[in-house]
Amino acid sequence: MSTAQKKKNIIRKYTTSDKPRIIDLYKKVWGQESADKIAKSWDWKYHDHPYQTKDTLRSLVAEKEGKIVGFLGAIPVMLKLGAKIHEAFWLGDLMVDPDHRGFLGVRLARTILATEPIVIGHADTGSDEGAIAYKLWMRLLSVKLDVSKIHNLIKRVSIEGAVQRKVKSRMLAALADRLWKATLDMRWEKGINKGLDIVQINRFTDEHRSFLDDLISQVENTPERSPEAMNWRFFERPDTTYIVLLARRSAKPVGYIIIRLLEYQGELHGRVVDILAKKEDATCFQFLLKSAENIFCKKKVTIVRAYGSPAFSIDVL
């Protein structure tokens, strides 16, 4: 690519009027289904965040001769590092028009790293694309700090489908599944739920603020969990439904777990999206996980996946 051609690629800040053209780019890069999904959640993601202001519109577009050929999204987030809260930006939706690829993605990444002091993101190293993205970001970072390596954890909560594929009998598969679950439930009956009850909520309120602050005080590197941020993420998202369970002792909240259900290759899968309780309260963690597992089983979920950090939750999960 000549110097003259490079100069035609302009990196600038995203404006709200760019949205239709970025959705068109999304369609070209990821297909119609993905474009329809992002169109539904775009305003929630990039315009309606509780920390979003005119000054926090930090997403970037790459433009060539008036055409948007690249995009890098940046969502404002308050990030707790050690004992201090910092303004940061969560990165995502990095894409470049297939007809203009080369170093444009690298330029977008370098531009935001040069202008924002703290950026965070998650590349799923379990996939080829995620591994490439992870290596790219770590190579570009001037300070190579990977504060929280993420592990992809999977648990089977039903064996009915697997058994049926083997024995070709739905009745025998259902019986094997019931026996298997009954064996697992014996541990549950030994009393890890003693003194705890579970409630499903549909909103975090100001009454939960001190409870949430107390939970994140024990975690060194984590996004802030204010009621406003939690409601935006888990109750206001237009394209995803989450189930939020609160564990209580004597009517006081002591932990929470957030899960979701999704169809995957003809099966219903589950996700543990977030879980938090006091580090030393292993009983509460077990109670939350078992309560979530009960819901997964009732919904006939086969596989549950969770992301865990060795710095905090991986042993519990």
C-alpha atoms as a PDB file:
ATOM      1  CA  MET A   1       0.000   0.000   0.000  1.00  0.00           C
ATOM      2  CA  SER A   2       1.422   3.382  -1.010  1.00  0.00           C
ATOM      3  CA  THR A   3       1.815   6.367   1.332  1.00  0.00           C
ATOM      4  CA  ALA A   4      -0.880   8.191  -0.587  1.00  0.00           C
ATOM      5  CA  GLN A   5      -3.314   5.321  -0.039  1.00  0.00           C
ATOM      6  CA  LYS A   6      -2.505   5.145   3.674  1.00  0.00           C
ATOM      7  CA  LYS A   7      -3.327   8.822   4.104  1.00  0.00           C
ATOM      8  CA  LYS A   8      -6.818   8.187   2.789  1.00  0.00           C
ATOM      9  CA  ASN A   9      -7.540   5.977   5.806  1.00  0.00           C
ATOM     10  CA  ILE A  10      -8.622   8.365   8.566  1.00  0.00           C
ATOM     11  CA  ILE A  11      -9.010   7.220  12.173  1.00  0.00           C
ATOM     12  CA  ARG A  12     -11.481   9.385  14.075  1.00  0.00           C
ATOM     13  CA  LYS A  13     -13.909   9.234  17.016  1.00  0.00           C
ATOM     14  CA  TYR A  14     -17.282   7.625  16.509  1.00  0.00           C
ATOM     15  CA  THR A  15     -20.370   9.853  16.361  1.00  0.00           C
ATOM     16  CA  THR A  16     -23.982   8.734  16.786  1.00  0.00           C
ATOM     17  CA  SER A  17     -24.694   9.476  13.109  1.00  0.00           C
ATOM     18  CA  ASP A  18     -22.201   6.717  12.134  1.00  0.00           C
ATOM     19  CA  LYS A  19     -24.480   3.974  13.462  1.00  0.00           C
ATOM     20  CA  PRO A  20     -26.288   2.994  10.174  1.00  0.00           C
ATOM     21  CA  ARG A  21     -23.024   2.704   8.244  1.00  0.00           C
ATOM     22  CA  ILE A  22     -21.380   0.656  10.999  1.00  0.00           C
ATOM     23  CA  ILE A  23     -24.353  -1.727  11.023  1.00  0.00           C
ATOM     24  CA  ASP A  24     -23.862  -2.119   7.255  1.00  0.00           C
ATOM     25  CA  LEU A  25     -20.187  -2.901   7.880  1.00  0.00           C
ATOM     26  CA  TYR A  26     -21.193  -5.411  10.549  1.00  0.00           C
ATOM     27  CA  LYS A  27     -23.416  -7.140   7.993  1.00  0.00           C
ATOM     28  CA  LYS A  28     -20.567  -7.337   5.490  1.00  0.00           C
ATOM     29  CA  VAL A  29     -18.094  -8.699   8.062  1.00  0.00           C
ATOM     30  CA  TRP A  30     -20.276 -10.971  10.222  1.00  0.00           C
ATOM     31  CA  GLY A  31     -23.454 -11.576   8.199  1.00  0.00           C
ATOM     32  CA  GLN A  32     -27.101 -10.504   8.367  1.00  0.00           C
ATOM     33  CA  GLU A  33     -28.009 -12.395  11.552  1.00  0.00           C
ATOM     34  CA  SER A  34     -25.176 -10.819  13.557  1.00  0.00           C
ATOM     35  CA  ALA A  35     -25.964  -7.383  12.082  1.00  0.00           C
ATOM     36  CA  ASP A  36     -29.626  -7.685  13.136  1.00  0.00           C
ATOM     37  CA  LYS A  37     -28.560  -8.668  16.647  1.00  0.00           C
ATOM     38  CA  ILE A  38     -26.110  -5.797  17.100  1.00  0.00           C
ATOM     39  CA  ALA A  39     -28.635  -3.329  15.637  1.00  0.00           C
ATOM     40  CA  LYS A  40     -31.079  -4.332  18.363  1.00  0.00           C
ATOM     41  CA  SER A  41     -28.568  -3.766  21.175  1.00  0.00           C
ATOM     42  CA  TRP A  42     -26.496  -0.918  19.687  1.00  0.00           C
ATOM     43  CA  ASP A  43     -28.067   1.985  21.567  1.00  0.00           C
ATOM     44  CA  TRP A  44     -27.995   0.021  24.832  1.00  0.00           C
ATOM     45  CA  LYS A  45     -24.340  -0.835  24.280  1.00  0.00           C
ATOM     46  CA  TYR A  46     -22.898   2.443  23.029  1.00  0.00           C
ATOM     47  CA  HIS A  47     -25.368   5.218  23.909  1.00  0.00           C
ATOM     48  CA  ASP A  48     -27.376   4.301  27.019  1.00  0.00           C
ATOM     49  CA  HIS A  49     -24.654   3.155  29.411  1.00  0.00           C
ATOM     50  CA  PRO A  50     -24.972   4.659  32.941  1.00  0.00           C
ATOM     51  CA  TYR A  51     -21.436   6.073  32.598  1.00  0.00           C
ATOM     52  CA  GLN A  52     -21.958   7.292  29.039  1.00  0.00           C
ATOM     53  CA  THR A  53     -21.665  11.017  28.321  1.00  0.00           C
ATOM     54  CA  LYS A  54     -20.661  13.045  25.295  1.00  0.00           C
ATOM     55  CA  ASP A  55     -17.099  12.975  26.613  1.00  0.00           C
ATOM     56  CA  THR A  56     -17.048   9.181  26.901  1.00  0.00           C
ATOM     57  CA  LEU A  57     -17.867   8.464  23.254  1.00  0.00           C
ATOM     58  CA  ARG A  58     -14.410   6.993  22.635  1.00  0.00           C
ATOM     59  CA  SER A  59     -15.199   4.330  20.027  1.00  0.00           C
ATOM     60  CA  LEU A  60     -13.204   4.731  16.826  1.00  0.00           C
ATOM     61  CA  VAL A  61     -14.040   4.462  13.148  1.00  0.00           C
ATOM     62  CA  ALA A  62     -11.694   4.088  10.197  1.00  0.00           C
ATOM     63  CA  GLU A  63     -12.849   6.026   7.173  1.00  0.00           C
ATOM     64  CA  LYS A  64     -11.649   5.974   3.585  1.00  0.00           C
ATOM     65  CA  GLU A  65     -12.982   8.470   1.078  1.00  0.00           C
ATOM     66  CA  GLY A  66     -16.106   8.970   3.196  1.00  0.00           C
ATOM     67  CA  LYS A  67     -16.758   5.239   3.630  1.00  0.00           C
ATOM     68  CA  ILE A  68     -16.508   3.564   7.045  1.00  0.00           C
ATOM     69  CA  VAL A  69     -14.154   0.596   6.639  1.00  0.00           C
ATOM     70  CA  GLY A  70     -13.280  -0.178  10.257  1.00  0.00           C
ATOM     71  CA  PHE A  71     -14.613   0.115  13.799  1.00  0.00           C
ATOM     72  CA  LEU A  72     -13.398  -0.429  17.369  1.00  0.00           C
ATOM     73  CA  GLY A  73     -15.986  -0.123  20.128  1.00  0.00           C
ATOM     74  CA  ALA A  74     -15.193   1.328  23.558  1.00  0.00           C
ATOM     75  CA  ILE A  75     -17.730   1.107  26.402  1.00  0.00           C
ATOM     76  CA  PRO A  76     -17.084   3.240  29.516  1.00  0.00           C
ATOM     77  CA  VAL A  77     -16.681   1.321  32.760  1.00  0.00           C
ATOM     78  CA  MET A  78     -15.512   2.150  36.262  1.00  0.00           C
ATOM     79  CA  LEU A  79     -12.729  -0.315  37.048  1.00  0.00           C
ATOM     80  CA  LYS A  80     -11.438  -1.193  40.508  1.00  0.00           C
ATOM     81  CA  LEU A  81      -7.677  -1.723  40.472  1.00  0.00           C
ATOM     82  CA  GLY A  82      -6.355  -2.431  43.935  1.00  0.00           C
ATOM     83  CA  ALA A  83      -8.152  -0.048  46.267  1.00  0.00           C
ATOM     84  CA  LYS A  84      -8.869   2.681  43.703  1.00  0.00           C
ATOM     85  CA  ILE A  85     -11.646   3.167  41.142  1.00  0.00           C
ATOM     86  CA  HIS A  86     -10.522   4.293  37.670  1.00  0.00           C
ATOM     87  CA  GLU A  87     -12.322   5.336  34.511  1.00  0.00           C
ATOM     88  CA  ALA A  88     -11.638   2.707  31.857  1.00  0.00           C
ATOM     89  CA  PHE A  89     -13.025   1.470  28.562  1.00  0.00           C
ATOM     90  CA  TRP A  90     -14.135  -2.026  27.660  1.00  0.00           C
ATOM     91  CA  LEU A  91     -13.169  -2.805  24.075  1.00  0.00           C
ATOM     92  CA  GLY A  92     -15.119  -4.904  21.603  1.00  0.00           C
ATOM     93  CA  ASP A  93     -16.592  -5.199  18.100  1.00  0.00           C
ATOM     94  CA  LEU A  94     -13.227  -4.730  16.389  1.00  0.00           C
ATOM     95  CA  MET A  95     -13.820  -5.222  12.656  1.00  0.00           C
ATOM     96  CA  VAL A  96     -12.349  -4.185   9.328  1.00  0.00           C
ATOM     97  CA  ASP A  97     -13.949  -4.317   5.895  1.00  0.00           C
ATOM     98  CA  PRO A  98     -12.559  -7.441   4.113  1.00  0.00           C
ATOM     99  CA  ASP A  99     -11.633  -5.234   1.123  1.00  0.00           C
ATOM    100  CA  HIS A 100      -9.459  -2.955   3.277  1.00  0.00           C
ATOM    101  CA  ARG A 101      -7.591  -5.320   5.563  1.00  0.00           C
ATOM    102  CA  GLY A 102      -3.873  -5.129   6.208  1.00  0.00           C
ATOM    103  CA  PHE A 103      -2.838  -2.996   9.148  1.00  0.00           C
ATOM    104  CA  LEU A 104      -6.064  -1.074   9.710  1.00  0.00           C
ATOM    105  CA  GLY A 105      -7.079  -3.153  12.741  1.00  0.00           C
ATOM    106  CA  VAL A 106      -3.648  -2.615  14.251  1.00  0.00           C
ATOM    107  CA  ARG A 107      -3.947   1.147  13.628  1.00  0.00           C
ATOM    108  CA  LEU A 108      -7.315   1.266  15.388  1.00  0.00           C
ATOM    109  CA  ALA A 109      -5.888  -0.648  18.353  1.00  0.00           C
ATOM    110  CA  ARG A 110      -2.763   1.506  18.558  1.00  0.00           C
ATOM    111  CA  THR A 111      -4.818   4.698  18.370  1.00  0.00           C
ATOM    112  CA  ILE A 112      -7.032   3.816  21.334  1.00  0.00           C
ATOM    113  CA  LEU A 113      -4.072   2.531  23.367  1.00  0.00           C
ATOM    114  CA  ALA A 114      -2.279   5.838  22.753  1.00  0.00           C
ATOM    115  CA  THR A 115      -5.220   7.949  23.937  1.00  0.00           C
ATOM    116  CA  GLU A 116      -6.840   5.963  26.769  1.00  0.00           C
ATOM    117  CA  PRO A 117      -4.864   5.167  29.950  1.00  0.00           C
ATOM    118  CA  ILE A 118      -6.824   2.026  30.870  1.00  0.00           C
ATOM    119  CA  VAL A 119      -8.541  -0.356  28.478  1.00  0.00           C
ATOM    120  CA  ILE A 120      -9.874  -3.828  29.219  1.00  0.00           C
ATOM    121  CA  GLY A 121     -11.287  -6.645  27.165  1.00  0.00           C
ATOM    122  CA  HIS A 122     -11.705 -10.380  26.939  1.00  0.00           C
ATOM    123  CA  ALA A 123     -10.424 -12.519  24.068  1.00  0.00           C
ATOM    124  CA  ASP A 124     -11.614 -16.106  24.384  1.00  0.00           C
ATOM    125  CA  THR A 125      -8.327 -17.991  24.034  1.00  0.00           C
ATOM    126  CA  GLY A 126     -10.320 -21.176  23.565  1.00  0.00           C
ATOM    127  CA  SER A 127     -11.031 -20.161  19.962  1.00  0.00           C
ATOM    128  CA  ASP A 128      -8.598 -19.491  17.108  1.00  0.00           C
ATOM    129  CA  GLU A 129      -9.933 -15.943  16.678  1.00  0.00           C
ATOM    130  CA  GLY A 130      -9.703 -15.275  20.409  1.00  0.00           C
ATOM    131  CA  ALA A 131      -6.121 -16.548  20.629  1.00  0.00           C
ATOM    132  CA  ILE A 132      -5.111 -14.274  17.740  1.00  0.00           C
ATOM    133  CA  ALA A 133      -6.856 -11.281  19.346  1.00  0.00           C
ATOM    134  CA  TYR A 134      -5.192 -11.994  22.691  1.00  0.00           C
ATOM    135  CA  LYS A 135      -1.708 -12.138  21.109  1.00  0.00           C
ATOM    136  CA  LEU A 136      -2.408  -8.943  19.154  1.00  0.00           C
ATOM    137  CA  TRP A 137      -3.396  -6.944  22.227  1.00  0.00           C
ATOM    138  CA  MET A 138      -0.551  -8.232  24.358  1.00  0.00           C
ATOM    139  CA  ARG A 139       1.917  -7.374  21.593  1.00  0.00           C
ATOM    140  CA  LEU A 140       0.544  -3.851  21.250  1.00  0.00           C
ATOM    141  CA  LEU A 141       0.404  -3.021  24.961  1.00  0.00           C
ATOM    142  CA  SER A 142       3.275  -0.846  26.114  1.00  0.00           C
ATOM    143  CA  VAL A 143       2.790  -2.210  29.646  1.00  0.00           C
ATOM    144  CA  LYS A 144       2.098  -5.922  29.281  1.00  0.00           C
ATOM    145  CA  LEU A 145      -0.166  -6.525  32.243  1.00  0.00           C
ATOM    146  CA  ASP A 146      -2.619  -9.385  31.997  1.00  0.00           C
ATOM    147  CA  VAL A 147      -4.373  -8.836  35.325  1.00  0.00           C
ATOM    148  CA  SER A 148      -6.797 -11.734  35.154  1.00  0.00           C
ATOM    149  CA  LYS A 149      -6.262 -14.797  32.978  1.00  0.00           C
ATOM    150  CA  ILE A 150      -9.662 -16.274  32.187  1.00  0.00           C
ATOM    151  CA  HIS A 151     -10.379 -20.003  32.090  1.00  0.00           C
ATOM    152  CA  ASN A 152     -13.296 -21.555  30.227  1.00  0.00           C
ATOM    153  CA  LEU A 153     -15.008 -24.086  32.516  1.00  0.00           C
ATOM    154  CA  ILE A 154     -17.626 -26.615  31.387  1.00  0.00           C
ATOM    155  CA  LYS A 155     -19.895 -28.901  33.428  1.00  0.00           C
ATOM    156  CA  ARG A 156     -22.469 -31.417  32.237  1.00  0.00           C
ATOM    157  CA  VAL A 157     -25.742 -31.120  34.198  1.00  0.00           C
ATOM    158  CA  SER A 158     -27.707 -33.745  32.272  1.00  0.00           C
ATOM    159  CA  ILE A 159     -26.613 -37.037  30.737  1.00  0.00           C
ATOM    160  CA  GLU A 160     -29.958 -37.840  29.098  1.00  0.00           C
ATOM    161  CA  GLY A 161     -28.988 -36.686  25.610  1.00  0.00           C
ATOM    162  CA  ALA A 162     -25.600 -38.384  25.718  1.00  0.00           C
ATOM    163  CA  VAL A 163     -27.071 -41.683  26.946  1.00  0.00           C
ATOM    164  CA  GLN A 164     -29.873 -41.604  24.386  1.00  0.00           C
ATOM    165  CA  ARG A 165     -27.359 -41.209  21.575  1.00  0.00           C
ATOM    166  CA  LYS A 166     -25.617 -44.356  22.859  1.00  0.00           C
ATOM    167  CA  VAL A 167     -28.525 -46.666  23.721  1.00  0.00           C
ATOM    168  CA  LYS A 168     -31.145 -45.241  21.295  1.00  0.00           C
ATOM    169  CA  SER A 169     -33.822 -45.412  24.020  1.00  0.00           C
ATOM    170  CA  ARG A 170     -35.427 -42.272  25.442  1.00  0.00           C
ATOM    171  CA  MET A 171     -36.891 -44.186  28.412  1.00  0.00           C
ATOM    172  CA  LEU A 172     -33.556 -45.694  29.476  1.00  0.00           C
ATOM    173  CA  ALA A 173     -31.804 -42.354  28.947  1.00  0.00           C
ATOM    174  CA  ALA A 174     -34.334 -40.537  31.152  1.00  0.00           C
ATOM    175  CA  LEU A 175     -33.976 -43.202  33.875  1.00  0.00           C
ATOM    176  CA  ALA A 176     -30.174 -43.003  33.789  1.00  0.00           C
ATOM    177  CA  ASP A 177     -30.392 -39.209  34.031  1.00  0.00           C
ATOM    178  CA  ARG A 178     -32.687 -39.375  37.089  1.00  0.00           C
ATOM    179  CA  LEU A 179     -30.403 -41.828  38.878  1.00  0.00           C
ATOM    180  CA  TRP A 180     -27.345 -39.740  38.071  1.00  0.00           C
ATOM    181  CA  LYS A 181     -28.984 -36.563  39.403  1.00  0.00           C
ATOM    182  CA  ALA A 182     -30.241 -38.349  42.521  1.00  0.00           C
ATOM    183  CA  THR A 183     -26.658 -39.389  43.297  1.00  0.00           C
ATOM    184  CA  LEU A 184     -25.495 -35.813  42.933  1.00  0.00           C
ATOM    185  CA  ASP A 185     -28.368 -34.488  45.052  1.00  0.00           C
ATOM    186  CA  MET A 186     -27.285 -36.638  48.020  1.00  0.00           C
ATOM    187  CA  ARG A 187     -24.477 -34.147  48.656  1.00  0.00           C
ATOM    188  CA  TRP A 188     -26.969 -31.274  48.490  1.00  0.00           C
ATOM    189  CA  GLU A 189     -29.165 -32.880  51.135  1.00  0.00           C
ATOM    190  CA  LYS A 190     -26.289 -32.874  53.629  1.00  0.00           C
ATOM    191  CA  GLY A 191     -27.151 -29.291  54.476  1.00  0.00           C
ATOM    192  CA  ILE A 192     -25.058 -26.783  52.536  1.00  0.00           C
ATOM    193  CA  ASN A 193     -28.253 -24.717  52.261  1.00  0.00           C
ATOM    194  CA  LYS A 194     -28.624 -24.465  56.046  1.00  0.00           C
ATOM    195  CA  GLY A 195     -29.470 -20.902  57.024  1.00  0.00           C
ATOM    196  CA  LEU A 196     -29.619 -19.706  53.401  1.00  0.00           C
ATOM    197  CA  ASP A 197     -32.488 -18.961  51.085  1.00  0.00           C
ATOM    198  CA  ILE A 198     -32.551 -17.923  47.445  1.00  0.00           C
ATOM    199  CA  VAL A 199     -34.686 -15.263  45.730  1.00  0.00           C
ATOM    200  CA  GLN A 200     -34.860 -14.184  42.117  1.00  0.00           C
ATOM    201  CA  ILE A 201     -34.778 -10.413  41.621  1.00  0.00           C
ATOM    202  CA  ASN A 202     -35.631  -8.237  38.624  1.00  0.00           C
ATOM    203  CA  ARG A 203     -33.748  -5.120  39.688  1.00  0.00           C
ATOM    204  CA  PHE A 204     -30.874  -4.026  41.900  1.00  0.00           C
ATOM    205  CA  THR A 205     -31.941  -1.139  44.125  1.00  0.00           C
ATOM    206  CA  ASP A 206     -30.136   1.423  46.207  1.00  0.00           C
ATOM    207  CA  GLU A 207     -30.617  -0.909  49.168  1.00  0.00           C
ATOM    208  CA  HIS A 208     -28.188  -3.324  47.482  1.00  0.00           C
ATOM    209  CA  ARG A 209     -25.428  -0.714  47.078  1.00  0.00           C
ATOM    210  CA  SER A 210     -23.538  -1.379  50.314  1.00  0.00           C
ATOM    211  CA  PHE A 211     -23.874  -5.139  49.792  1.00  0.00           C
ATOM    212  CA  LEU A 212     -22.330  -4.885  46.298  1.00  0.00           C
ATOM    213  CA  ASP A 213     -19.595  -2.519  47.506  1.00  0.00           C
ATOM    214  CA  ASP A 214     -18.740  -4.947  50.294  1.00  0.00           C
ATOM    215  CA  LEU A 215     -18.415  -7.838  47.835  1.00  0.00           C
ATOM    216  CA  ILE A 216     -16.073  -6.096  45.409  1.00  0.00           C
ATOM    217  CA  SER A 217     -13.915  -4.747  48.250  1.00  0.00           C
ATOM    218  CA  GLN A 218     -12.288  -8.208  48.410  1.00  0.00           C
ATOM    219  CA  VAL A 219     -11.457  -8.322  44.679  1.00  0.00           C
ATOM    220  CA  GLU A 220      -8.429  -6.403  43.430  1.00  0.00           C
ATOM    221  CA  ASN A 221      -9.157  -6.095  39.711  1.00  0.00           C
ATOM    222  CA  THR A 222     -12.805  -5.968  38.695  1.00  0.00           C
ATOM    223  CA  PRO A 223     -15.404  -3.709  37.090  1.00  0.00           C
ATOM    224  CA  GLU A 224     -17.462  -1.706  39.567  1.00  0.00           C
ATOM    225  CA  ARG A 225     -20.779  -3.292  40.496  1.00  0.00           C
ATOM    226  CA  SER A 226     -23.056  -0.389  41.321  1.00  0.00           C
ATOM    227  CA  PRO A 227     -26.832  -0.954  41.091  1.00  0.00           C
ATOM    228  CA  GLU A 228     -26.888   1.296  38.018  1.00  0.00           C
ATOM    229  CA  ALA A 229     -24.184  -0.674  36.192  1.00  0.00           C
ATOM    230  CA  MET A 230     -25.692  -4.037  37.163  1.00  0.00           C
ATOM    231  CA  ASN A 231     -29.164  -3.015  36.007  1.00  0.00           C
ATOM    232  CA  TRP A 232     -27.793  -1.734  32.691  1.00  0.00           C
ATOM    233  CA  ARG A 233     -25.864  -4.920  32.062  1.00  0.00           C
ATOM    234  CA  PHE A 234     -28.344  -7.552  33.215  1.00  0.00           C
ATOM    235  CA  PHE A 235     -31.847  -6.065  33.126  1.00  0.00           C
ATOM    236  CA  GLU A 236     -31.801  -3.423  30.399  1.00  0.00           C
ATOM    237  CA  ARG A 237     -30.052  -5.360  27.630  1.00  0.00           C
ATOM    238  CA  PRO A 238     -32.660  -5.758  24.862  1.00  0.00           C
ATOM    239  CA  ASP A 239     -31.335  -8.925  23.185  1.00  0.00           C
ATOM    240  CA  THR A 240     -30.561 -11.164  26.186  1.00  0.00           C
ATOM    241  CA  THR A 241     -32.484 -12.343  29.237  1.00  0.00           C
ATOM    242  CA  TYR A 242     -30.599 -13.067  32.454  1.00  0.00           C
ATOM    243  CA  ILE A 243     -31.741 -14.806  35.634  1.00  0.00           C
ATOM    244  CA  VAL A 244     -30.409 -13.071  38.764  1.00  0.00           C
ATOM    245  CA  LEU A 245     -30.474 -15.047  42.023  1.00  0.00           C
ATOM    246  CA  LEU A 246     -29.705 -13.528  45.410  1.00  0.00           C
ATOM    247  CA  ALA A 247     -28.587 -15.664  48.370  1.00  0.00           C
ATOM    248  CA  ARG A 248     -29.692 -14.414  51.805  1.00  0.00           C
ATOM    249  CA  ARG A 249     -29.011 -15.163  55.456  1.00  0.00           C
ATOM    250  CA  SER A 250     -31.594 -13.855  57.881  1.00  0.00           C
ATOM    251  CA  ALA A 251     -33.104 -11.846  55.001  1.00  0.00           C
ATOM    252  CA  LYS A 252     -29.767 -10.085  54.328  1.00  0.00           C
ATOM    253  CA  PRO A 253     -28.072 -10.566  50.907  1.00  0.00           C
ATOM    254  CA  VAL A 254     -24.735 -12.386  51.112  1.00  0.00           C
ATOM    255  CA  GLY A 255     -24.060 -13.324  47.473  1.00  0.00           C
ATOM    256  CA  TYR A 256     -25.496 -13.525  43.978  1.00  0.00           C
ATOM    257  CA  ILE A 257     -25.269 -15.571  40.809  1.00  0.00           C
ATOM    258  CA  ILE A 258     -26.336 -14.514  37.323  1.00  0.00           C
ATOM    259  CA  ILE A 259     -27.131 -17.112  34.660  1.00  0.00           C
ATOM    260  CA  ARG A 260     -28.615 -17.301  31.176  1.00  0.00           C
ATOM    261  CA  LEU A 261     -29.948 -19.913  28.758  1.00  0.00           C
ATOM    262  CA  LEU A 262     -29.151 -20.200  25.062  1.00  0.00           C
ATOM    263  CA  GLU A 263     -29.736 -22.561  22.176  1.00  0.00           C
ATOM    264  CA  TYR A 264     -26.594 -24.165  20.754  1.00  0.00           C
ATOM    265  CA  GLN A 265     -26.607 -26.732  17.949  1.00  0.00           C
ATOM    266  CA  GLY A 266     -30.055 -28.013  18.848  1.00  0.00           C
ATOM    267  CA  GLU A 267     -29.380 -28.243  22.604  1.00  0.00           C
ATOM    268  CA  LEU A 268     -30.178 -25.875  25.440  1.00  0.00           C
ATOM    269  CA  HIS A 269     -26.991 -24.703  27.147  1.00  0.00           C
ATOM    270  CA  GLY A 270     -26.479 -22.666  30.297  1.00  0.00           C
ATOM    271  CA  ARG A 271     -24.025 -19.943  31.214  1.00  0.00           C
ATOM    272  CA  VAL A 272     -22.850 -18.752  34.613  1.00  0.00           C
ATOM    273  CA  VAL A 273     -22.247 -15.101  33.764  1.00  0.00           C
ATOM    274  CA  ASP A 274     -21.292 -13.746  37.180  1.00  0.00           C
ATOM    275  CA  ILE A 275     -21.057 -15.079  40.731  1.00  0.00           C
ATOM    276  CA  LEU A 276     -19.874 -13.284  43.833  1.00  0.00           C
ATOM    277  CA  ALA A 277     -19.863 -13.885  47.575  1.00  0.00           C
ATOM    278  CA  LYS A 278     -17.306 -13.469  50.315  1.00  0.00           C
ATOM    279  CA  LYS A 279     -14.149 -15.441  49.539  1.00  0.00           C
ATOM    280  CA  GLU A 280     -14.305 -17.302  52.823  1.00  0.00           C
ATOM    281  CA  ASP A 281     -17.994 -18.159  52.432  1.00  0.00           C
ATOM    282  CA  ALA A 282     -17.640 -21.443  50.538  1.00  0.00           C
ATOM    283  CA  THR A 283     -21.108 -22.548  51.676  1.00  0.00           C
ATOM    284  CA  CYS A 284     -22.710 -19.554  49.980  1.00  0.00           C
ATOM    285  CA  PHE A 285     -20.842 -20.234  46.725  1.00  0.00           C
ATOM    286  CA  GLN A 286     -21.957 -23.882  46.797  1.00  0.00           C
ATOM    287  CA  PHE A 287     -25.527 -22.844  47.564  1.00  0.00           C
ATOM    288  CA  LEU A 288     -25.597 -20.361  44.687  1.00  0.00           C
ATOM    289  CA  LEU A 289     -24.169 -22.874  42.215  1.00  0.00           C
ATOM    290  CA  LYS A 290     -26.573 -25.595  43.305  1.00  0.00           C
ATOM    291  CA  SER A 291     -29.530 -23.207  43.088  1.00  0.00           C
ATOM    292  CA  ALA A 292     -28.485 -22.297  39.547  1.00  0.00           C
ATOM    293  CA  GLU A 293     -27.987 -25.967  38.689  1.00  0.00           C
ATOM    294  CA  ASN A 294     -31.528 -26.734  39.857  1.00  0.00           C
ATOM    295  CA  ILE A 295     -32.859 -24.170  37.388  1.00  0.00           C
ATOM    296  CA  PHE A 296     -30.687 -25.560  34.594  1.00  0.00           C
ATOM    297  CA  CYS A 297     -31.985 -29.066  35.272  1.00  0.00           C
ATOM    298  CA  LYS A 298     -35.631 -27.958  35.325  1.00  0.00           C
ATOM    299  CA  LYS A 299     -35.092 -26.224  31.976  1.00  0.00           C
ATOM    300  CA  LYS A 300     -33.446 -29.426  30.623  1.00  0.00           C
ATOM    301  CA  VAL A 301     -30.075 -27.771  30.042  1.00  0.00           C
ATOM    302  CA  THR A 302     -27.362 -30.252  29.055  1.00  0.00           C
ATOM    303  CA  ILE A 303     -24.098 -28.294  29.356  1.00  0.00           C
ATOM    304  CA  VAL A 304     -23.193 -25.331  31.573  1.00  0.00           C
ATOM    305  CA  ARG A 305     -20.232 -23.074  30.865  1.00  0.00           C
ATOM    306  CA  ALA A 306     -18.584 -20.525  33.129  1.00  0.00           C
ATOM    307  CA  TYR A 307     -15.552 -18.262  32.937  1.00  0.00           C
ATOM    308  CA  GLY A 308     -13.373 -18.319  36.040  1.00  0.00           C
ATOM    309  CA  SER A 309     -10.312 -16.445  37.185  1.00  0.00           C
ATOM    310  CA  PRO A 310      -7.622 -18.252  39.214  1.00  0.00           C
ATOM    311  CA  ALA A 311      -7.289 -15.062  41.210  1.00  0.00           C
ATOM    312  CA  PHE A 312     -10.765 -15.501  42.653  1.00  0.00           C
ATOM    313  CA  SER A 313     -13.501 -17.865  41.535  1.00  0.00           C
ATOM    314  CA  ILE A 314     -11.933 -20.760  39.639  1.00  0.00           C
ATOM    315  CA  ASP A 315     -11.553 -23.046  42.680  1.00  0.00           C
ATOM    316  CA  VAL A 316     -15.205 -22.549  43.613  1.00  0.00           C
ATOM    317  CA  LEU A 317     -16.444 -23.115  40.060  1.00  0.00           C
END
